[in-house]
């Protein structure tokens, strides 16, 4: 574990040193006194930070820090785009988009990667398509998981509060592991089973409440305006969208490799929340 003094500003993030979070956020910090420290899963972030600073005898001895984690389904995206603070006194913020992949699955980045790779001798996927064609690919993948995302959001909505055991927002093993049945009825049935299990712990929610909220999200996610405005970019989980895109083109190139490439090239200045993060890091360092 690295130990840093008061002269260094630390940015804590999820994942490990090879994660997309660390790859992207490492580009946001410039100068010798900016330091990205991955700390594993978001659930243990606050505890990790406490342990990381265990060497400091007093809180004033600790170096300044800011922490960033995925928003996932823990809060609705803000309008206008901004970092979302988490509960508690620590400066831990959530991304505006659901996760790091949600920033990377952009048609302009896909086209840049495709064009670069097509100049190599081993590339087997032809010339880069237009950005419009790439938007169509992403949008069709988003449509295929729209009802799944609606039920995930409804499950997240039913959480009674941070002190209660959380309603799981998925029934698959991990984000990006899509269920075999992506229909609304199939997803709602799986979500209802999670709610039934949860009732034994909380007693405050019900499958009908889940259905009502899921229908609301479903209406939003199936509206044409949602796709015209590329609403999937902020509402849908990027890992799920990446898997759906890969499923739509199983013989295509690896989107995992693409995301690693894109994390090193994304123009982060174009995103309000990422620019805000940089300013917050500067503020804690300069302050």
C-alpha atoms as a PDB file:
ATOM      1  CA  UNK A   1       0.000   0.000   0.000  1.00  0.00           C
ATOM      2  CA  UNK A   2       1.385   3.375  -0.997  1.00  0.00           C
ATOM      3  CA  UNK A   3       1.717   6.052   1.623  1.00  0.00           C
ATOM      4  CA  UNK A   4       1.420   9.654   0.532  1.00  0.00           C
ATOM      5  CA  UNK A   5       1.864  12.867   2.457  1.00  0.00           C
ATOM      6  CA  UNK A   6       0.069  16.191   2.622  1.00  0.00           C
ATOM      7  CA  UNK A   7       1.692  17.274  -0.653  1.00  0.00           C
ATOM      8  CA  UNK A   8      -0.305  14.777  -2.708  1.00  0.00           C
ATOM      9  CA  UNK A   9      -3.955  14.844  -3.775  1.00  0.00           C
ATOM     10  CA  UNK A  10      -5.458  11.350  -3.946  1.00  0.00           C
ATOM     11  CA  UNK A  11      -8.330  10.244  -6.157  1.00  0.00           C
ATOM     12  CA  UNK A  12      -9.820   6.942  -4.970  1.00  0.00           C
ATOM     13  CA  UNK A  13     -11.738   4.872  -7.502  1.00  0.00           C
ATOM     14  CA  UNK A  14     -13.263   1.432  -7.951  1.00  0.00           C
ATOM     15  CA  UNK A  15     -11.463  -1.566  -9.412  1.00  0.00           C
ATOM     16  CA  UNK A  16      -7.761  -2.293  -9.590  1.00  0.00           C
ATOM     17  CA  UNK A  17      -4.813  -0.674 -11.339  1.00  0.00           C
ATOM     18  CA  UNK A  18      -5.751  -2.294 -14.652  1.00  0.00           C
ATOM     19  CA  UNK A  19      -9.453  -1.420 -14.440  1.00  0.00           C
ATOM     20  CA  UNK A  20     -11.112   0.983 -16.850  1.00  0.00           C
ATOM     21  CA  UNK A  21     -11.703   3.372 -13.939  1.00  0.00           C
ATOM     22  CA  UNK A  22      -8.000   3.677 -13.218  1.00  0.00           C
ATOM     23  CA  UNK A  23      -7.085   3.885 -16.914  1.00  0.00           C
ATOM     24  CA  UNK A  24      -9.495   6.745 -17.567  1.00  0.00           C
ATOM     25  CA  UNK A  25      -9.067   8.653 -14.319  1.00  0.00           C
ATOM     26  CA  UNK A  26      -5.295   8.473 -14.548  1.00  0.00           C
ATOM     27  CA  UNK A  27      -5.573  10.738 -17.581  1.00  0.00           C
ATOM     28  CA  UNK A  28      -7.585  13.324 -15.673  1.00  0.00           C
ATOM     29  CA  UNK A  29      -4.829  14.004 -13.187  1.00  0.00           C
ATOM     30  CA  UNK A  30      -1.733  15.859 -14.319  1.00  0.00           C
ATOM     31  CA  UNK A  31       1.437  16.753 -12.486  1.00  0.00           C
ATOM     32  CA  UNK A  32       3.612  14.825 -10.033  1.00  0.00           C
ATOM     33  CA  UNK A  33       1.334  15.297  -7.020  1.00  0.00           C
ATOM     34  CA  UNK A  34      -1.849  13.671  -8.291  1.00  0.00           C
ATOM     35  CA  UNK A  35      -2.386  10.040  -7.403  1.00  0.00           C
ATOM     36  CA  UNK A  36      -5.113   7.538  -8.407  1.00  0.00           C
ATOM     37  CA  UNK A  37      -5.709   4.785  -5.856  1.00  0.00           C
ATOM     38  CA  UNK A  38      -8.065   1.920  -6.850  1.00  0.00           C
ATOM     39  CA  UNK A  39      -9.851   0.368  -3.870  1.00  0.00           C
ATOM     40  CA  UNK A  40     -11.909  -2.555  -5.133  1.00  0.00           C
ATOM     41  CA  UNK A  41     -15.704  -2.696  -4.963  1.00  0.00           C
ATOM     42  CA  UNK A  42     -17.799   0.388  -4.226  1.00  0.00           C
ATOM     43  CA  UNK A  43     -19.403  -1.219  -1.164  1.00  0.00           C
ATOM     44  CA  UNK A  44     -16.099  -1.198   0.674  1.00  0.00           C
ATOM     45  CA  UNK A  45     -14.830   2.170  -0.542  1.00  0.00           C
ATOM     46  CA  UNK A  46     -15.426   4.137   2.666  1.00  0.00           C
ATOM     47  CA  UNK A  47     -13.846   1.402   4.807  1.00  0.00           C
ATOM     48  CA  UNK A  48     -10.895   1.139   2.407  1.00  0.00           C
ATOM     49  CA  UNK A  49     -10.238   4.863   2.665  1.00  0.00           C
ATOM     50  CA  UNK A  50     -10.263   4.659   6.459  1.00  0.00           C
ATOM     51  CA  UNK A  51      -7.804   1.767   6.378  1.00  0.00           C
ATOM     52  CA  UNK A  52      -5.616   3.504   3.815  1.00  0.00           C
ATOM     53  CA  UNK A  53      -5.162   6.446   6.161  1.00  0.00           C
ATOM     54  CA  UNK A  54      -4.610   4.339   9.270  1.00  0.00           C
ATOM     55  CA  UNK A  55      -1.021   5.576   9.404  1.00  0.00           C
ATOM     56  CA  UNK A  56      -2.218   9.138  10.100  1.00  0.00           C
ATOM     57  CA  UNK A  57      -2.575   9.811  13.817  1.00  0.00           C
ATOM     58  CA  UNK A  58      -5.033  12.680  13.317  1.00  0.00           C
ATOM     59  CA  UNK A  59      -7.468  13.494  10.540  1.00  0.00           C
ATOM     60  CA  UNK A  60      -5.606  16.721   9.810  1.00  0.00           C
ATOM     61  CA  UNK A  61      -2.496  14.662   9.002  1.00  0.00           C
ATOM     62  CA  UNK A  62      -4.254  12.958   6.115  1.00  0.00           C
ATOM     63  CA  UNK A  63      -3.586  14.053   2.560  1.00  0.00           C
ATOM     64  CA  UNK A  64      -6.554  15.643   0.775  1.00  0.00           C
ATOM     65  CA  UNK A  65      -8.631  13.228  -1.283  1.00  0.00           C
ATOM     66  CA  UNK A  66     -11.706  12.808  -3.471  1.00  0.00           C
ATOM     67  CA  UNK A  67     -13.321   9.462  -4.322  1.00  0.00           C
ATOM     68  CA  UNK A  68     -15.345   8.481  -7.385  1.00  0.00           C
ATOM     69  CA  UNK A  69     -17.564   5.433  -7.797  1.00  0.00           C
ATOM     70  CA  UNK A  70     -20.084   4.201 -10.375  1.00  0.00           C
ATOM     71  CA  UNK A  71     -23.639   5.463  -9.949  1.00  0.00           C
ATOM     72  CA  UNK A  72     -25.056   2.112 -11.129  1.00  0.00           C
ATOM     73  CA  UNK A  73     -28.741   2.039 -10.068  1.00  0.00           C
ATOM     74  CA  UNK A  74     -28.207   3.834  -6.757  1.00  0.00           C
ATOM     75  CA  UNK A  75     -29.570   7.213  -7.935  1.00  0.00           C
ATOM     76  CA  UNK A  76     -31.267   8.665 -10.971  1.00  0.00           C
ATOM     77  CA  UNK A  77     -29.030  10.737 -13.257  1.00  0.00           C
ATOM     78  CA  UNK A  78     -29.038  14.428 -12.430  1.00  0.00           C
ATOM     79  CA  UNK A  79     -30.179  17.236 -14.697  1.00  0.00           C
ATOM     80  CA  UNK A  80     -28.036  19.075 -15.597  1.00  0.00           C
ATOM     81  CA  UNK A  81     -25.176  16.525 -15.566  1.00  0.00           C
ATOM     82  CA  UNK A  82     -23.070  16.663 -12.409  1.00  0.00           C
ATOM     83  CA  UNK A  83     -21.283  14.526  -9.880  1.00  0.00           C
ATOM     84  CA  UNK A  84     -23.693  13.075  -7.327  1.00  0.00           C
ATOM     85  CA  UNK A  85     -22.602  13.104  -3.664  1.00  0.00           C
ATOM     86  CA  UNK A  86     -23.070   9.947  -1.634  1.00  0.00           C
ATOM     87  CA  UNK A  87     -24.491   9.931   1.877  1.00  0.00           C
ATOM     88  CA  UNK A  88     -22.028  10.692   4.655  1.00  0.00           C
ATOM     89  CA  UNK A  89     -19.316  13.247   5.348  1.00  0.00           C
ATOM     90  CA  UNK A  90     -16.601  11.821   3.100  1.00  0.00           C
ATOM     91  CA  UNK A  91     -16.068  13.446  -0.326  1.00  0.00           C
ATOM     92  CA  UNK A  92     -17.230  10.345  -2.240  1.00  0.00           C
ATOM     93  CA  UNK A  93     -19.091  11.065  -5.455  1.00  0.00           C
ATOM     94  CA  UNK A  94     -20.978   9.050  -8.054  1.00  0.00           C
ATOM     95  CA  UNK A  95     -20.590   9.404 -11.814  1.00  0.00           C
ATOM     96  CA  UNK A  96     -23.365  11.082 -13.805  1.00  0.00           C
ATOM     97  CA  UNK A  97     -23.530   8.104 -16.165  1.00  0.00           C
ATOM     98  CA  UNK A  98     -24.071   4.675 -14.663  1.00  0.00           C
ATOM     99  CA  UNK A  99     -20.496   3.423 -14.987  1.00  0.00           C
ATOM    100  CA  UNK A 100     -17.217   4.024 -16.821  1.00  0.00           C
ATOM    101  CA  UNK A 101     -18.255   1.896 -19.817  1.00  0.00           C
ATOM    102  CA  UNK A 102     -21.196   4.253 -20.324  1.00  0.00           C
ATOM    103  CA  UNK A 103     -18.752   7.015 -21.272  1.00  0.00           C
ATOM    104  CA  UNK A 104     -16.764   4.798 -23.612  1.00  0.00           C
ATOM    105  CA  UNK A 105     -19.479   3.212 -25.767  1.00  0.00           C
ATOM    106  CA  UNK A 106     -19.679   6.261 -28.019  1.00  0.00           C
ATOM    107  CA  UNK A 107     -19.925   6.121 -31.841  1.00  0.00           C
ATOM    108  CA  UNK A 108     -17.054   8.539 -32.377  1.00  0.00           C
ATOM    109  CA  UNK A 109     -14.745   6.421 -30.220  1.00  0.00           C
ATOM    110  CA  UNK A 110     -15.896   3.214 -31.892  1.00  0.00           C
ATOM    111  CA  UNK A 111     -15.242   4.687 -35.306  1.00  0.00           C
ATOM    112  CA  UNK A 112     -11.789   5.910 -34.271  1.00  0.00           C
ATOM    113  CA  UNK A 113     -10.866   2.490 -32.934  1.00  0.00           C
ATOM    114  CA  UNK A 114     -12.235   0.729 -36.026  1.00  0.00           C
ATOM    115  CA  UNK A 115     -10.333   3.039 -38.375  1.00  0.00           C
ATOM    116  CA  UNK A 116      -7.087   2.600 -36.457  1.00  0.00           C
ATOM    117  CA  UNK A 117      -7.371  -1.181 -36.265  1.00  0.00           C
ATOM    118  CA  UNK A 118      -8.337  -1.497 -39.948  1.00  0.00           C
ATOM    119  CA  UNK A 119      -4.881  -0.255 -40.916  1.00  0.00           C
ATOM    120  CA  UNK A 120      -3.351  -3.373 -39.353  1.00  0.00           C
ATOM    121  CA  UNK A 121      -2.654  -6.537 -41.300  1.00  0.00           C
ATOM    122  CA  UNK A 122      -4.625  -8.875 -38.994  1.00  0.00           C
ATOM    123  CA  UNK A 123      -7.882  -6.877 -38.885  1.00  0.00           C
ATOM    124  CA  UNK A 124     -10.763  -8.873 -40.361  1.00  0.00           C
ATOM    125  CA  UNK A 125     -13.703  -6.503 -39.970  1.00  0.00           C
ATOM    126  CA  UNK A 126     -13.331  -4.193 -42.947  1.00  0.00           C
ATOM    127  CA  UNK A 127     -13.336  -0.409 -43.029  1.00  0.00           C
ATOM    128  CA  UNK A 128     -14.945   1.663 -40.328  1.00  0.00           C
ATOM    129  CA  UNK A 129     -18.669   2.300 -40.841  1.00  0.00           C
ATOM    130  CA  UNK A 130     -20.190   5.755 -40.479  1.00  0.00           C
ATOM    131  CA  UNK A 131     -21.040   7.147 -37.063  1.00  0.00           C
ATOM    132  CA  UNK A 132     -24.705   6.869 -38.020  1.00  0.00           C
ATOM    133  CA  UNK A 133     -24.358   3.132 -38.577  1.00  0.00           C
ATOM    134  CA  UNK A 134     -22.595   2.788 -35.253  1.00  0.00           C
ATOM    135  CA  UNK A 135     -25.361   4.724 -33.482  1.00  0.00           C
ATOM    136  CA  UNK A 136     -27.836   2.274 -34.997  1.00  0.00           C
ATOM    137  CA  UNK A 137     -25.834  -0.681 -33.631  1.00  0.00           C
ATOM    138  CA  UNK A 138     -25.762   0.845 -30.147  1.00  0.00           C
ATOM    139  CA  UNK A 139     -29.427   1.864 -30.240  1.00  0.00           C
ATOM    140  CA  UNK A 140     -30.585  -1.590 -31.328  1.00  0.00           C
ATOM    141  CA  UNK A 141     -28.559  -3.169 -28.534  1.00  0.00           C
ATOM    142  CA  UNK A 142     -30.099  -0.673 -26.098  1.00  0.00           C
ATOM    143  CA  UNK A 143     -33.613  -1.554 -27.291  1.00  0.00           C
ATOM    144  CA  UNK A 144     -32.899  -5.238 -26.705  1.00  0.00           C
ATOM    145  CA  UNK A 145     -32.221  -4.634 -22.988  1.00  0.00           C
ATOM    146  CA  UNK A 146     -34.729  -1.806 -22.407  1.00  0.00           C
ATOM    147  CA  UNK A 147     -37.229  -3.937 -20.494  1.00  0.00           C
ATOM    148  CA  UNK A 148     -34.458  -5.583 -18.497  1.00  0.00           C
ATOM    149  CA  UNK A 149     -33.187  -2.141 -17.502  1.00  0.00           C
ATOM    150  CA  UNK A 150     -36.743  -1.082 -16.594  1.00  0.00           C
ATOM    151  CA  UNK A 151     -37.042  -3.920 -14.077  1.00  0.00           C
ATOM    152  CA  UNK A 152     -33.555  -3.275 -12.697  1.00  0.00           C
ATOM    153  CA  UNK A 153     -34.473   0.376 -12.128  1.00  0.00           C
ATOM    154  CA  UNK A 154     -37.759  -0.611 -10.492  1.00  0.00           C
ATOM    155  CA  UNK A 155     -35.903  -2.928  -8.107  1.00  0.00           C
ATOM    156  CA  UNK A 156     -33.534  -0.098  -7.231  1.00  0.00           C
ATOM    157  CA  UNK A 157     -36.484   2.242  -6.624  1.00  0.00           C
ATOM    158  CA  UNK A 158     -37.895  -0.127  -4.005  1.00  0.00           C
ATOM    159  CA  UNK A 159     -34.969   0.122  -1.641  1.00  0.00           C
ATOM    160  CA  UNK A 160     -36.472   1.441   1.625  1.00  0.00           C
ATOM    161  CA  UNK A 161     -33.263   3.228   2.605  1.00  0.00           C
ATOM    162  CA  UNK A 162     -29.551   2.863   3.152  1.00  0.00           C
ATOM    163  CA  UNK A 163     -30.039   1.192   6.557  1.00  0.00           C
ATOM    164  CA  UNK A 164     -32.160  -1.597   5.102  1.00  0.00           C
ATOM    165  CA  UNK A 165     -30.841  -4.608   3.246  1.00  0.00           C
ATOM    166  CA  UNK A 166     -30.830  -3.622  -0.421  1.00  0.00           C
ATOM    167  CA  UNK A 167     -33.218  -5.039  -2.988  1.00  0.00           C
ATOM    168  CA  UNK A 168     -30.849  -6.610  -5.532  1.00  0.00           C
ATOM    169  CA  UNK A 169     -31.073  -4.831  -8.884  1.00  0.00           C
ATOM    170  CA  UNK A 170     -30.153  -7.981 -10.821  1.00  0.00           C
ATOM    171  CA  UNK A 171     -30.630 -11.740 -10.617  1.00  0.00           C
ATOM    172  CA  UNK A 172     -27.627 -12.568 -12.782  1.00  0.00           C
ATOM    173  CA  UNK A 173     -24.167 -13.147 -11.351  1.00  0.00           C
ATOM    174  CA  UNK A 174     -22.752  -9.732 -12.277  1.00  0.00           C
ATOM    175  CA  UNK A 175     -23.328  -6.603 -14.359  1.00  0.00           C
ATOM    176  CA  UNK A 176     -22.846  -7.490 -18.005  1.00  0.00           C
ATOM    177  CA  UNK A 177     -24.044 -11.074 -17.420  1.00  0.00           C
ATOM    178  CA  UNK A 178     -27.376 -10.818 -19.236  1.00  0.00           C
ATOM    179  CA  UNK A 179     -30.233 -13.238 -18.452  1.00  0.00           C
ATOM    180  CA  UNK A 180     -31.382 -15.665 -21.101  1.00  0.00           C
ATOM    181  CA  UNK A 181     -34.877 -14.120 -21.155  1.00  0.00           C
ATOM    182  CA  UNK A 182     -34.763 -10.370 -21.851  1.00  0.00           C
ATOM    183  CA  UNK A 183     -38.530  -9.947 -22.326  1.00  0.00           C
ATOM    184  CA  UNK A 184     -40.399  -7.683 -19.938  1.00  0.00           C
ATOM    185  CA  UNK A 185     -42.545 -10.541 -18.573  1.00  0.00           C
ATOM    186  CA  UNK A 186     -39.520 -12.769 -18.043  1.00  0.00           C
ATOM    187  CA  UNK A 187     -37.544 -10.032 -16.327  1.00  0.00           C
ATOM    188  CA  UNK A 188     -40.524  -8.996 -14.232  1.00  0.00           C
ATOM    189  CA  UNK A 189     -40.992 -12.586 -13.062  1.00  0.00           C
ATOM    190  CA  UNK A 190     -37.364 -12.805 -11.966  1.00  0.00           C
ATOM    191  CA  UNK A 191     -37.574  -9.407 -10.290  1.00  0.00           C
ATOM    192  CA  UNK A 192     -40.784 -10.403  -8.515  1.00  0.00           C
ATOM    193  CA  UNK A 193     -39.036 -13.439  -7.061  1.00  0.00           C
ATOM    194  CA  UNK A 194     -36.328 -11.151  -5.658  1.00  0.00           C
ATOM    195  CA  UNK A 195     -39.041  -8.986  -4.151  1.00  0.00           C
ATOM    196  CA  UNK A 196     -40.730 -12.019  -2.602  1.00  0.00           C
ATOM    197  CA  UNK A 197     -37.412 -12.967  -1.008  1.00  0.00           C
ATOM    198  CA  UNK A 198     -36.898  -9.412   0.210  1.00  0.00           C
ATOM    199  CA  UNK A 199     -40.340  -9.235   1.810  1.00  0.00           C
ATOM    200  CA  UNK A 200     -39.170 -11.625   4.488  1.00  0.00           C
ATOM    201  CA  UNK A 201     -36.545  -9.061   5.472  1.00  0.00           C
ATOM    202  CA  UNK A 202     -38.394  -5.769   5.102  1.00  0.00           C
ATOM    203  CA  UNK A 203     -42.104  -6.372   4.623  1.00  0.00           C
ATOM    204  CA  UNK A 204     -42.461  -2.924   3.104  1.00  0.00           C
ATOM    205  CA  UNK A 205     -42.601  -3.624  -0.616  1.00  0.00           C
ATOM    206  CA  UNK A 206     -44.540  -5.905  -2.940  1.00  0.00           C
ATOM    207  CA  UNK A 207     -44.519  -7.362  -6.463  1.00  0.00           C
ATOM    208  CA  UNK A 208     -47.401  -5.020  -7.455  1.00  0.00           C
ATOM    209  CA  UNK A 209     -45.259  -2.035  -6.399  1.00  0.00           C
ATOM    210  CA  UNK A 210     -42.426  -3.427  -8.472  1.00  0.00           C
ATOM    211  CA  UNK A 211     -44.711  -3.842 -11.485  1.00  0.00           C
ATOM    212  CA  UNK A 212     -45.993  -0.272 -11.193  1.00  0.00           C
ATOM    213  CA  UNK A 213     -42.502   1.211 -11.081  1.00  0.00           C
ATOM    214  CA  UNK A 214     -41.235  -1.095 -13.803  1.00  0.00           C
ATOM    215  CA  UNK A 215     -44.056  -0.027 -16.098  1.00  0.00           C
ATOM    216  CA  UNK A 216     -43.073   3.600 -15.557  1.00  0.00           C
ATOM    217  CA  UNK A 217     -39.460   2.950 -16.500  1.00  0.00           C
ATOM    218  CA  UNK A 218     -40.567   0.743 -19.370  1.00  0.00           C
ATOM    219  CA  UNK A 219     -42.650   3.567 -20.852  1.00  0.00           C
ATOM    220  CA  UNK A 220     -39.632   5.888 -20.671  1.00  0.00           C
ATOM    221  CA  UNK A 221     -37.191   3.361 -22.105  1.00  0.00           C
ATOM    222  CA  UNK A 222     -39.424   2.333 -25.026  1.00  0.00           C
ATOM    223  CA  UNK A 223     -40.315   5.879 -26.120  1.00  0.00           C
ATOM    224  CA  UNK A 224     -38.846   6.947 -29.463  1.00  0.00           C
ATOM    225  CA  UNK A 225     -37.717  10.241 -27.917  1.00  0.00           C
ATOM    226  CA  UNK A 226     -35.533   8.252 -25.533  1.00  0.00           C
ATOM    227  CA  UNK A 227     -33.591   6.840 -28.497  1.00  0.00           C
ATOM    228  CA  UNK A 228     -33.614  10.091 -30.445  1.00  0.00           C
ATOM    229  CA  UNK A 229     -31.918  11.716 -27.458  1.00  0.00           C
ATOM    230  CA  UNK A 230     -29.623   8.714 -26.809  1.00  0.00           C
ATOM    231  CA  UNK A 231     -31.035   8.362 -23.320  1.00  0.00           C
ATOM    232  CA  UNK A 232     -29.398   4.978 -22.909  1.00  0.00           C
ATOM    233  CA  UNK A 233     -26.084   6.766 -22.386  1.00  0.00           C
ATOM    234  CA  UNK A 234     -27.081   7.905 -18.901  1.00  0.00           C
ATOM    235  CA  UNK A 235     -29.866   5.494 -17.900  1.00  0.00           C
ATOM    236  CA  UNK A 236     -28.647   2.066 -19.030  1.00  0.00           C
ATOM    237  CA  UNK A 237     -25.805   0.235 -17.340  1.00  0.00           C
ATOM    238  CA  UNK A 238     -22.774   0.340 -19.622  1.00  0.00           C
ATOM    239  CA  UNK A 239     -21.678  -3.206 -18.827  1.00  0.00           C
ATOM    240  CA  UNK A 240     -25.098  -4.521 -19.823  1.00  0.00           C
ATOM    241  CA  UNK A 241     -25.076  -2.434 -23.002  1.00  0.00           C
ATOM    242  CA  UNK A 242     -21.600  -3.643 -23.933  1.00  0.00           C
ATOM    243  CA  UNK A 243     -22.698  -7.264 -23.564  1.00  0.00           C
ATOM    244  CA  UNK A 244     -25.811  -6.639 -25.673  1.00  0.00           C
ATOM    245  CA  UNK A 245     -23.720  -4.971 -28.392  1.00  0.00           C
ATOM    246  CA  UNK A 246     -21.306  -7.909 -28.396  1.00  0.00           C
ATOM    247  CA  UNK A 247     -24.208 -10.346 -28.548  1.00  0.00           C
ATOM    248  CA  UNK A 248     -25.618  -8.495 -31.569  1.00  0.00           C
ATOM    249  CA  UNK A 249     -22.300  -8.975 -33.395  1.00  0.00           C
ATOM    250  CA  UNK A 250     -20.812 -12.185 -31.973  1.00  0.00           C
ATOM    251  CA  UNK A 251     -18.292 -12.410 -34.819  1.00  0.00           C
ATOM    252  CA  UNK A 252     -17.113  -8.838 -34.326  1.00  0.00           C
ATOM    253  CA  UNK A 253     -14.120  -7.431 -32.518  1.00  0.00           C
ATOM    254  CA  UNK A 254     -13.738  -7.500 -28.738  1.00  0.00           C
ATOM    255  CA  UNK A 255     -15.540  -4.596 -27.066  1.00  0.00           C
ATOM    256  CA  UNK A 256     -13.497  -5.243 -23.933  1.00  0.00           C
ATOM    257  CA  UNK A 257     -10.331  -4.452 -25.894  1.00  0.00           C
ATOM    258  CA  UNK A 258     -12.068  -1.456 -27.423  1.00  0.00           C
ATOM    259  CA  UNK A 259     -13.030  -0.060 -24.006  1.00  0.00           C
ATOM    260  CA  UNK A 260      -9.439  -0.360 -22.813  1.00  0.00           C
ATOM    261  CA  UNK A 261      -8.352   1.575 -25.909  1.00  0.00           C
ATOM    262  CA  UNK A 262     -11.092   4.172 -25.469  1.00  0.00           C
ATOM    263  CA  UNK A 263     -10.278   4.791 -21.797  1.00  0.00           C
ATOM    264  CA  UNK A 264      -6.921   6.149 -22.924  1.00  0.00           C
ATOM    265  CA  UNK A 265      -8.389   8.410 -25.609  1.00  0.00           C
ATOM    266  CA  UNK A 266     -11.748   9.720 -24.445  1.00  0.00           C
ATOM    267  CA  UNK A 267     -12.014  13.514 -24.461  1.00  0.00           C
ATOM    268  CA  UNK A 268     -13.061  13.773 -20.828  1.00  0.00           C
ATOM    269  CA  UNK A 269     -13.271  17.570 -20.983  1.00  0.00           C
ATOM    270  CA  UNK A 270     -16.538  17.155 -22.904  1.00  0.00           C
ATOM    271  CA  UNK A 271     -18.227  15.668 -19.805  1.00  0.00           C
ATOM    272  CA  UNK A 272     -19.411  18.076 -17.131  1.00  0.00           C
ATOM    273  CA  UNK A 273     -19.071  15.638 -14.248  1.00  0.00           C
ATOM    274  CA  UNK A 274     -15.550  14.516 -15.167  1.00  0.00           C
ATOM    275  CA  UNK A 275     -14.455  18.136 -15.533  1.00  0.00           C
ATOM    276  CA  UNK A 276     -16.033  18.849 -12.140  1.00  0.00           C
ATOM    277  CA  UNK A 277     -14.053  15.959 -10.676  1.00  0.00           C
ATOM    278  CA  UNK A 278     -10.795  17.471 -11.918  1.00  0.00           C
ATOM    279  CA  UNK A 279     -11.713  20.810 -10.378  1.00  0.00           C
ATOM    280  CA  UNK A 280     -12.518  19.141  -7.059  1.00  0.00           C
ATOM    281  CA  UNK A 281      -9.154  17.384  -7.037  1.00  0.00           C
ATOM    282  CA  UNK A 282      -7.439  20.693  -7.765  1.00  0.00           C
ATOM    283  CA  UNK A 283      -9.437  22.392  -5.016  1.00  0.00           C
ATOM    284  CA  UNK A 284      -8.508  19.899  -2.287  1.00  0.00           C
ATOM    285  CA  UNK A 285      -4.861  20.024  -3.368  1.00  0.00           C
ATOM    286  CA  UNK A 286      -4.592  23.776  -3.703  1.00  0.00           C
ATOM    287  CA  UNK A 287      -6.714  24.398  -0.630  1.00  0.00           C
END
